Amino acid sequence: MKAVSGRELARILERKGWRVLRISGSHHLYGQGKERIALPVHGNTTLKKGLQRDLMRQAGLSEKDLEA
């Protein structure tokens, strides 16, 4: 799996229809319908593998979505 930063994953989420509900410090809360995802955005620091995998699962993203 390609490692991405929180900032890159935020862009991918926005392309897939998720929208920013609020920002509290370095955590961005995204929503789509009743689903909510808290995404840590710490500059260009890559997300840990397990966290990235879990966020992608919650958002319904696949590895192909990271390539685009």
Protein backbone atom coordinates (compact mmCIF):
# COMPACT_ATOMS: atom_id res chain seq x y z
CA MET A 1 0.00 0.00 0.00
CA LYS A 2 1.29 3.46 -0.92
CA ALA A 3 1.93 5.59 2.17
CA VAL A 4 0.21 8.99 2.07
CA SER A 5 0.10 12.01 4.33
CA GLY A 6 -3.03 13.24 6.04
CA ARG A 7 -3.11 16.17 3.63
CA GLU A 8 -3.04 13.82 0.60
CA LEU A 9 -5.75 11.58 2.08
CA ALA A 10 -7.87 14.70 2.73
CA ARG A 11 -7.69 15.59 -0.98
CA ILE A 12 -8.69 12.05 -1.94
CA LEU A 13 -11.64 12.12 0.47
CA GLU A 14 -12.84 15.43 -0.97
CA ARG A 15 -12.67 14.02 -4.52
CA LYS A 16 -14.83 11.10 -3.37
CA GLY A 17 -17.57 13.39 -2.03
CA TRP A 18 -16.57 13.76 1.63
CA ARG A 19 -16.72 17.30 3.02
CA VAL A 20 -15.00 19.04 5.92
CA LEU A 21 -17.39 19.48 8.84
CA ARG A 22 -14.93 21.19 11.16
CA ILE A 23 -11.24 21.51 11.96
CA SER A 24 -10.00 21.32 15.52
CA GLY A 25 -6.26 21.85 15.72
CA SER A 26 -4.61 19.33 13.43
CA HIS A 27 -7.65 17.04 13.19
CA HIS A 28 -10.09 17.47 10.33
CA LEU A 29 -13.55 15.96 10.75
CA TYR A 30 -15.01 14.79 7.43
CA GLY A 31 -18.58 13.70 6.86
CA GLN A 32 -20.67 12.03 4.22
CA GLY A 33 -24.26 11.32 5.16
CA LYS A 34 -24.17 10.00 8.73
CA GLU A 35 -20.60 8.72 8.42
CA ARG A 36 -17.81 10.65 10.18
CA ILE A 37 -14.02 10.36 9.87
CA ALA A 38 -11.46 12.17 12.03
CA LEU A 39 -8.34 12.67 9.93
CA PRO A 40 -5.06 13.84 11.51
CA VAL A 41 -3.26 16.34 9.27
CA HIS A 42 0.27 16.96 10.51
CA GLY A 43 1.88 18.70 7.56
CA ASN A 44 3.38 16.22 5.10
CA THR A 45 4.03 13.51 7.69
CA THR A 46 2.87 10.15 6.36
CA LEU A 47 0.16 8.29 8.20
CA LYS A 48 1.03 5.06 9.98
CA LYS A 49 0.08 1.95 8.00
CA GLY A 50 -2.63 0.71 10.37
CA LEU A 51 -4.26 4.13 10.74
CA GLN A 52 -4.25 4.69 6.99
CA ARG A 53 -5.77 1.26 6.36
CA ASP A 54 -8.51 1.89 8.96
CA LEU A 55 -9.36 5.36 7.60
CA MET A 56 -9.53 3.97 4.06
CA ARG A 57 -11.81 1.14 5.22
CA GLN A 58 -14.12 3.63 6.97
CA ALA A 59 -14.26 5.83 3.86
CA GLY A 60 -14.74 2.92 1.47
CA LEU A 61 -11.52 3.65 -0.42
CA SER A 62 -9.33 1.11 -2.19
CA GLU A 63 -5.65 1.17 -3.07
CA LYS A 64 -6.61 2.21 -6.61
CA ASP A 65 -8.01 5.45 -5.18
CA LEU A 66 -4.53 6.32 -3.89
CA GLU A 67 -3.06 6.09 -7.39
CA ALA A 68 -5.33 8.71 -8.97
